[in-house]
Amino acid sequence: MTSLSGGSDDTGSPAEPQALICARCGARAESPPPTWTCSVENGVRQYICDTCSRENLRAIEGRLDSAWW
């Protein structure tokens, strides 16, 4: 099957990268730094900066299933 020319869904322009915002303190990053934590809570992806992750490490660990230990 062939498609008509100009009937493509591809607009040709790349998607604009969205700045990430820390869910706790509001810090911003242009792309996901490897030191940030990504969490999916109630189906929503949230990012937490490295500073907030360090400050709240015990609370994060306390939410892990026992299978992780």
C-alpha atoms as a PDB file:
ATOM      1  CA  MET A   1       0.000   0.000   0.000  1.00  0.00           C
ATOM      2  CA  THR A   2       1.300   3.442  -0.822  1.00  0.00           C
ATOM      3  CA  SER A   3       0.431   6.762   0.684  1.00  0.00           C
ATOM      4  CA  LEU A   4      -0.149  10.053  -1.032  1.00  0.00           C
ATOM      5  CA  SER A   5       2.665  12.547  -0.883  1.00  0.00           C
ATOM      6  CA  GLY A   6       2.260  15.095   1.857  1.00  0.00           C
ATOM      7  CA  GLY A   7       0.068  12.771   3.887  1.00  0.00           C
ATOM      8  CA  SER A   8       2.705  11.953   6.476  1.00  0.00           C
ATOM      9  CA  ASP A   9       2.138  12.496  10.181  1.00  0.00           C
ATOM     10  CA  ASP A  10       5.808  13.454  10.598  1.00  0.00           C
ATOM     11  CA  THR A  11       6.161  17.236  10.727  1.00  0.00           C
ATOM     12  CA  GLY A  12       9.915  17.001  10.197  1.00  0.00           C
ATOM     13  CA  SER A  13      10.829  19.124  13.205  1.00  0.00           C
ATOM     14  CA  PRO A  14      12.272  17.440  16.294  1.00  0.00           C
ATOM     15  CA  ALA A  15      10.344  17.634  19.538  1.00  0.00           C
ATOM     16  CA  GLU A  16      11.419  20.411  21.871  1.00  0.00           C
ATOM     17  CA  PRO A  17      13.179  19.040  24.962  1.00  0.00           C
ATOM     18  CA  GLN A  18      11.296  19.887  28.119  1.00  0.00           C
ATOM     19  CA  ALA A  19      13.141  21.137  31.170  1.00  0.00           C
ATOM     20  CA  LEU A  20      12.863  18.833  34.161  1.00  0.00           C
ATOM     21  CA  ILE A  21      11.717  20.241  37.479  1.00  0.00           C
ATOM     22  CA  CYS A  22      12.453  18.678  40.873  1.00  0.00           C
ATOM     23  CA  ALA A  23       9.170  17.572  42.451  1.00  0.00           C
ATOM     24  CA  ARG A  24      10.400  18.639  45.899  1.00  0.00           C
ATOM     25  CA  CYS A  25      12.370  21.892  45.587  1.00  0.00           C
ATOM     26  CA  GLY A  26      11.643  23.089  42.036  1.00  0.00           C
ATOM     27  CA  ALA A  27      15.253  22.954  40.787  1.00  0.00           C
ATOM     28  CA  ARG A  28      15.482  22.868  36.990  1.00  0.00           C
ATOM     29  CA  ALA A  29      17.587  20.828  34.570  1.00  0.00           C
ATOM     30  CA  GLU A  30      17.583  20.832  30.770  1.00  0.00           C
ATOM     31  CA  SER A  31      17.981  17.050  30.519  1.00  0.00           C
ATOM     32  CA  PRO A  32      17.829  14.247  33.098  1.00  0.00           C
ATOM     33  CA  PRO A  33      21.154  14.378  34.959  1.00  0.00           C
ATOM     34  CA  PRO A  34      22.448  10.928  35.957  1.00  0.00           C
ATOM     35  CA  THR A  35      22.375  11.976  39.622  1.00  0.00           C
ATOM     36  CA  TRP A  36      18.645  12.746  39.685  1.00  0.00           C
ATOM     37  CA  THR A  37      16.082  10.182  40.838  1.00  0.00           C
ATOM     38  CA  CYS A  38      13.083   9.269  38.685  1.00  0.00           C
ATOM     39  CA  SER A  39       9.970   8.024  40.452  1.00  0.00           C
ATOM     40  CA  VAL A  40       6.592   6.922  39.091  1.00  0.00           C
ATOM     41  CA  GLU A  41       3.875   7.568  41.635  1.00  0.00           C
ATOM     42  CA  ASN A  42       0.202   6.979  40.784  1.00  0.00           C
ATOM     43  CA  GLY A  43       1.157   6.781  37.109  1.00  0.00           C
ATOM     44  CA  VAL A  44       2.929  10.145  37.111  1.00  0.00           C
ATOM     45  CA  ARG A  45       6.682  10.349  36.444  1.00  0.00           C
ATOM     46  CA  GLN A  46       8.457  12.675  38.882  1.00  0.00           C
ATOM     47  CA  TYR A  47      12.098  13.711  39.030  1.00  0.00           C
ATOM     48  CA  ILE A  48      13.947  14.511  42.252  1.00  0.00           C
ATOM     49  CA  CYS A  49      17.265  16.392  42.215  1.00  0.00           C
ATOM     50  CA  ASP A  50      20.371  14.900  43.781  1.00  0.00           C
ATOM     51  CA  THR A  51      20.261  17.249  46.777  1.00  0.00           C
ATOM     52  CA  CYS A  52      16.670  16.325  47.665  1.00  0.00           C
ATOM     53  CA  SER A  53      17.418  12.640  47.011  1.00  0.00           C
ATOM     54  CA  ARG A  54      20.298  12.719  49.502  1.00  0.00           C
ATOM     55  CA  GLU A  55      18.270  14.612  52.106  1.00  0.00           C
ATOM     56  CA  ASN A  56      15.351  12.166  51.848  1.00  0.00           C
ATOM     57  CA  LEU A  57      17.201   8.887  51.263  1.00  0.00           C
ATOM     58  CA  ARG A  58      15.733   7.092  54.283  1.00  0.00           C
ATOM     59  CA  ALA A  59      12.186   7.988  53.279  1.00  0.00           C
ATOM     60  CA  ILE A  60      12.855   6.738  49.727  1.00  0.00           C
ATOM     61  CA  GLU A  61      14.347   3.472  50.984  1.00  0.00           C
ATOM     62  CA  GLY A  62      11.432   3.000  53.398  1.00  0.00           C
ATOM     63  CA  ARG A  63       8.989   2.876  50.462  1.00  0.00           C
ATOM     64  CA  LEU A  64      10.817   0.049  48.650  1.00  0.00           C
ATOM     65  CA  ASP A  65       9.299  -3.421  48.712  1.00  0.00           C
ATOM     66  CA  SER A  66      11.049  -5.961  50.890  1.00  0.00           C
ATOM     67  CA  ALA A  67      12.018  -7.840  47.705  1.00  0.00           C
ATOM     68  CA  TRP A  68      14.631  -5.113  47.076  1.00  0.00           C
ATOM     69  CA  TRP A  69      16.426  -6.048  50.268  1.00  0.00           C
END
